[in-house]
Amino acid sequence: MIVMTTLMVQANVGMAQVCDPMKLVAPCISFITSNTPPAPDSECCNVLHVQNGCLCGYVKNPAYAPILQMPGTKTVAQACSIKIPDPNTCT
C-alpha cells in the first residue's frame, strides 16, 4: 500500500501544471502585437492550450496583465479557441 501511495503522489506531481509565462509570450507575442490570428495548430495555440490553467494567475499579475489586455490577445485567443478569463472572476 505504501508503494502504491508513493507512486500515486509521484504521478500527481509529474502531472502538475507548470506555469511559465515566457513559454506563452515567446511564440505568441508577434501575433499579439500585430493583432494577427495564428493558425489553430500553431506553436502559439499549442502553448496557449497547455498554459490555459495558468491564465487566471497571469491576468491577475500586474507584470503580465497588460499583455493579456492588448487587443491582439483577444484575436489570438479567438483563433486558438481559448477564453482569456476576467481577472475579477478568477479564483
N, C-alpha and C. Protein backbone atom coordinates (compact mmCIF):
# COMPACT_ATOMS: atom_id res chain seq x y z
N MET A 1 0.81 -1.18 0.00
CA MET A 1 0.00 0.00 0.00
C MET A 1 0.87 1.26 0.00
N ILE A 2 1.96 1.23 0.72
CA ILE A 2 2.87 2.37 0.76
C ILE A 2 3.45 2.63 -0.62
N VAL A 3 3.80 1.56 -1.32
CA VAL A 3 4.35 1.70 -2.67
C VAL A 3 3.31 2.32 -3.59
N MET A 4 2.07 1.89 -3.52
CA MET A 4 1.01 2.45 -4.36
C MET A 4 0.81 3.94 -4.07
N THR A 5 0.79 4.30 -2.79
CA THR A 5 0.61 5.70 -2.41
C THR A 5 1.76 6.55 -2.94
N THR A 6 2.97 6.05 -2.80
CA THR A 6 4.15 6.77 -3.29
C THR A 6 4.07 6.96 -4.79
N LEU A 7 3.68 5.94 -5.52
CA LEU A 7 3.57 6.04 -6.98
C LEU A 7 2.48 7.03 -7.37
N MET A 8 1.37 7.03 -6.66
CA MET A 8 0.30 7.97 -6.98
C MET A 8 0.72 9.41 -6.71
N VAL A 9 1.43 9.66 -5.63
CA VAL A 9 1.90 11.00 -5.32
C VAL A 9 2.90 11.45 -6.38
N GLN A 10 3.80 10.59 -6.78
CA GLN A 10 4.78 10.93 -7.81
C GLN A 10 4.08 11.21 -9.13
N ALA A 11 3.06 10.44 -9.47
CA ALA A 11 2.33 10.66 -10.72
C ALA A 11 1.63 12.01 -10.69
N ASN A 12 1.01 12.37 -9.57
CA ASN A 12 0.33 13.66 -9.47
C ASN A 12 1.32 14.81 -9.54
N VAL A 13 2.47 14.67 -8.94
CA VAL A 13 3.49 15.72 -9.01
C VAL A 13 3.96 15.87 -10.45
N GLY A 14 4.12 14.77 -11.16
CA GLY A 14 4.55 14.81 -12.55
C GLY A 14 3.54 15.46 -13.47
N MET A 15 2.26 15.41 -13.07
CA MET A 15 1.21 15.97 -13.91
C MET A 15 0.88 17.41 -13.53
N ALA A 16 1.51 17.95 -12.51
CA ALA A 16 1.21 19.31 -12.06
C ALA A 16 1.51 20.31 -13.17
N GLN A 17 0.66 21.30 -13.27
CA GLN A 17 0.81 22.34 -14.29
C GLN A 17 1.99 23.22 -13.95
N VAL A 18 2.84 23.44 -14.91
CA VAL A 18 3.97 24.35 -14.74
C VAL A 18 3.61 25.64 -15.48
N CYS A 19 3.43 26.70 -14.72
CA CYS A 19 3.07 27.99 -15.31
C CYS A 19 4.35 28.78 -15.58
N ASP A 20 4.60 29.01 -16.84
CA ASP A 20 5.78 29.76 -17.26
C ASP A 20 5.33 30.75 -18.32
N PRO A 21 5.08 32.00 -17.94
CA PRO A 21 4.57 32.97 -18.90
C PRO A 21 5.49 33.22 -20.09
N MET A 22 6.78 33.01 -19.91
CA MET A 22 7.69 33.24 -21.04
C MET A 22 7.47 32.19 -22.13
N LYS A 23 7.06 30.98 -21.76
CA LYS A 23 6.75 29.96 -22.76
C LYS A 23 5.52 30.35 -23.56
N LEU A 24 4.66 31.14 -22.96
CA LEU A 24 3.46 31.60 -23.65
C LEU A 24 3.76 32.83 -24.49
N VAL A 25 4.48 33.76 -23.94
CA VAL A 25 4.75 35.03 -24.62
C VAL A 25 5.63 34.82 -25.86
N ALA A 26 6.66 34.02 -25.73
CA ALA A 26 7.63 33.87 -26.83
C ALA A 26 6.97 33.48 -28.16
N PRO A 27 6.15 32.43 -28.22
CA PRO A 27 5.59 32.08 -29.53
C PRO A 27 4.37 32.92 -29.93
N CYS A 28 3.83 33.69 -29.00
CA CYS A 28 2.59 34.42 -29.30
C CYS A 28 2.75 35.93 -29.44
N ILE A 29 3.84 36.49 -28.96
CA ILE A 29 3.94 37.95 -28.89
C ILE A 29 3.84 38.63 -30.26
N SER A 30 4.39 38.00 -31.29
CA SER A 30 4.30 38.64 -32.62
C SER A 30 2.85 38.68 -33.11
N PHE A 31 2.07 37.66 -32.78
CA PHE A 31 0.65 37.66 -33.17
C PHE A 31 -0.13 38.69 -32.34
N ILE A 32 0.21 38.78 -31.06
CA ILE A 32 -0.48 39.72 -30.18
C ILE A 32 -0.21 41.16 -30.61
N THR A 33 1.06 41.48 -30.83
CA THR A 33 1.40 42.87 -31.17
C THR A 33 0.94 43.27 -32.56
N SER A 34 0.84 42.32 -33.46
CA SER A 34 0.38 42.65 -34.81
C SER A 34 -1.13 42.45 -34.97
N ASN A 35 -1.79 41.97 -33.90
CA ASN A 35 -3.23 41.70 -33.93
C ASN A 35 -3.59 40.77 -35.08
N THR A 36 -2.76 39.75 -35.27
CA THR A 36 -2.92 38.78 -36.34
C THR A 36 -3.24 37.41 -35.73
N PRO A 37 -4.27 36.73 -36.23
CA PRO A 37 -4.58 35.42 -35.66
C PRO A 37 -3.58 34.35 -36.11
N PRO A 38 -3.11 33.54 -35.17
CA PRO A 38 -2.25 32.42 -35.55
C PRO A 38 -3.10 31.27 -36.07
N ALA A 39 -2.48 30.34 -36.74
CA ALA A 39 -3.18 29.13 -37.17
C ALA A 39 -3.53 28.32 -35.93
N PRO A 40 -4.68 27.65 -35.93
CA PRO A 40 -5.09 26.86 -34.76
C PRO A 40 -4.09 25.78 -34.35
N ASP A 41 -3.28 25.31 -35.30
CA ASP A 41 -2.29 24.27 -34.97
C ASP A 41 -0.88 24.86 -34.78
N SER A 42 -0.80 26.17 -34.60
CA SER A 42 0.50 26.85 -34.43
C SER A 42 1.09 26.55 -33.05
N GLU A 43 2.38 26.83 -32.91
CA GLU A 43 3.04 26.68 -31.61
C GLU A 43 2.37 27.59 -30.59
N CYS A 44 1.98 28.78 -31.00
CA CYS A 44 1.32 29.72 -30.10
C CYS A 44 0.05 29.09 -29.52
N CYS A 45 -0.81 28.56 -30.36
CA CYS A 45 -2.06 27.96 -29.87
C CYS A 45 -1.77 26.72 -29.02
N ASN A 46 -0.82 25.92 -29.43
CA ASN A 46 -0.48 24.73 -28.65
C ASN A 46 -0.03 25.11 -27.24
N VAL A 47 0.83 26.11 -27.14
CA VAL A 47 1.32 26.56 -25.83
C VAL A 47 0.18 27.19 -25.04
N LEU A 48 -0.66 27.93 -25.71
CA LEU A 48 -1.80 28.57 -25.04
C LEU A 48 -2.71 27.52 -24.42
N HIS A 49 -2.93 26.42 -25.12
CA HIS A 49 -3.76 25.34 -24.58
C HIS A 49 -3.08 24.69 -23.37
N VAL A 50 -1.77 24.50 -23.44
CA VAL A 50 -1.04 23.90 -22.32
C VAL A 50 -1.07 24.83 -21.11
N GLN A 51 -0.96 26.13 -21.34
CA GLN A 51 -0.92 27.12 -20.26
C GLN A 51 -2.31 27.63 -19.86
N ASN A 52 -3.35 27.08 -20.42
CA ASN A 52 -4.71 27.57 -20.18
C ASN A 52 -5.05 27.64 -18.69
N GLY A 53 -4.63 26.67 -17.92
CA GLY A 53 -4.90 26.66 -16.49
C GLY A 53 -4.16 27.74 -15.72
N CYS A 54 -3.21 28.37 -16.36
CA CYS A 54 -2.40 29.42 -15.71
C CYS A 54 -2.93 30.81 -16.00
N LEU A 55 -3.86 30.93 -16.92
CA LEU A 55 -4.28 32.26 -17.38
C LEU A 55 -4.86 33.14 -16.28
N CYS A 56 -5.58 32.57 -15.32
CA CYS A 56 -6.10 33.38 -14.22
C CYS A 56 -4.96 34.03 -13.45
N GLY A 57 -3.93 33.28 -13.19
CA GLY A 57 -2.78 33.83 -12.49
C GLY A 57 -2.11 34.92 -13.29
N TYR A 58 -2.05 34.74 -14.60
CA TYR A 58 -1.42 35.74 -15.45
C TYR A 58 -2.23 37.04 -15.50
N VAL A 59 -3.56 36.94 -15.63
CA VAL A 59 -4.37 38.17 -15.74
C VAL A 59 -4.41 38.93 -14.42
N LYS A 60 -4.14 38.25 -13.31
CA LYS A 60 -4.12 38.92 -12.01
C LYS A 60 -2.73 39.47 -11.67
N ASN A 61 -1.72 39.11 -12.45
CA ASN A 61 -0.35 39.54 -12.19
C ASN A 61 -0.10 40.87 -12.92
N PRO A 62 0.27 41.93 -12.20
CA PRO A 62 0.49 43.23 -12.84
C PRO A 62 1.58 43.22 -13.91
N ALA A 63 2.47 42.27 -13.86
CA ALA A 63 3.54 42.20 -14.86
C ALA A 63 3.03 41.67 -16.20
N TYR A 64 2.01 40.81 -16.18
CA TYR A 64 1.54 40.16 -17.41
C TYR A 64 0.15 40.63 -17.84
N ALA A 65 -0.62 41.20 -16.93
CA ALA A 65 -1.97 41.64 -17.25
C ALA A 65 -2.02 42.60 -18.44
N PRO A 66 -1.10 43.58 -18.55
CA PRO A 66 -1.18 44.49 -19.70
C PRO A 66 -1.08 43.77 -21.05
N ILE A 67 -0.29 42.73 -21.12
CA ILE A 67 -0.18 41.96 -22.37
C ILE A 67 -1.49 41.26 -22.67
N LEU A 68 -2.10 40.69 -21.64
CA LEU A 68 -3.35 39.96 -21.83
C LEU A 68 -4.54 40.89 -22.07
N GLN A 69 -4.35 42.18 -21.88
CA GLN A 69 -5.42 43.15 -22.14
C GLN A 69 -5.27 43.82 -23.50
N MET A 70 -4.20 43.51 -24.23
CA MET A 70 -3.99 44.11 -25.55
C MET A 70 -5.04 43.57 -26.53
N PRO A 71 -5.47 44.38 -27.50
CA PRO A 71 -6.46 43.90 -28.47
C PRO A 71 -6.02 42.64 -29.21
N GLY A 72 -4.74 42.52 -29.50
CA GLY A 72 -4.26 41.33 -30.21
C GLY A 72 -4.41 40.05 -29.42
N THR A 73 -4.45 40.16 -28.11
CA THR A 73 -4.62 38.96 -27.28
C THR A 73 -5.98 38.33 -27.51
N LYS A 74 -7.00 39.17 -27.66
CA LYS A 74 -8.34 38.65 -27.94
C LYS A 74 -8.37 37.95 -29.30
N THR A 75 -7.68 38.52 -30.27
CA THR A 75 -7.60 37.91 -31.60
C THR A 75 -6.93 36.54 -31.52
N VAL A 76 -5.83 36.47 -30.80
CA VAL A 76 -5.10 35.21 -30.63
C VAL A 76 -5.96 34.19 -29.89
N ALA A 77 -6.60 34.62 -28.82
CA ALA A 77 -7.44 33.72 -28.03
C ALA A 77 -8.57 33.14 -28.87
N GLN A 78 -9.21 33.98 -29.66
CA GLN A 78 -10.30 33.51 -30.52
C GLN A 78 -9.78 32.51 -31.55
N ALA A 79 -8.64 32.80 -32.16
CA ALA A 79 -8.08 31.90 -33.18
C ALA A 79 -7.71 30.55 -32.57
N CYS A 80 -7.32 30.56 -31.30
CA CYS A 80 -6.90 29.33 -30.62
C CYS A 80 -8.03 28.67 -29.83
N SER A 81 -9.22 29.23 -29.91
CA SER A 81 -10.39 28.73 -29.17
C SER A 81 -10.15 28.67 -27.67
N ILE A 82 -9.59 29.77 -27.16
CA ILE A 82 -9.32 29.92 -25.73
C ILE A 82 -10.02 31.18 -25.25
N LYS A 83 -10.50 31.16 -24.02
CA LYS A 83 -11.11 32.35 -23.44
C LYS A 83 -10.14 32.93 -22.42
N ILE A 84 -9.81 34.21 -22.58
CA ILE A 84 -8.99 34.90 -21.59
C ILE A 84 -9.92 35.23 -20.43
N PRO A 85 -9.59 34.75 -19.24
CA PRO A 85 -10.50 34.95 -18.11
C PRO A 85 -10.53 36.40 -17.62
N ASP A 86 -11.64 36.75 -17.01
CA ASP A 86 -11.80 38.05 -16.37
C ASP A 86 -11.08 37.99 -15.03
N PRO A 87 -10.15 38.92 -14.77
CA PRO A 87 -9.40 38.87 -13.50
C PRO A 87 -10.31 39.00 -12.27
N ASN A 88 -11.48 39.60 -12.44
CA ASN A 88 -12.40 39.79 -11.32
C ASN A 88 -13.15 38.50 -10.96
N THR A 89 -13.17 37.55 -11.88
CA THR A 89 -13.91 36.31 -11.60
C THR A 89 -12.98 35.11 -11.46
N CYS A 90 -11.68 35.32 -11.59
CA CYS A 90 -10.72 34.23 -11.43
C CYS A 90 -10.63 33.82 -9.95
N THR A 91 -10.47 32.54 -9.76
CA THR A 91 -10.29 32.04 -8.39
C THR A 91 -8.95 31.38 -8.23
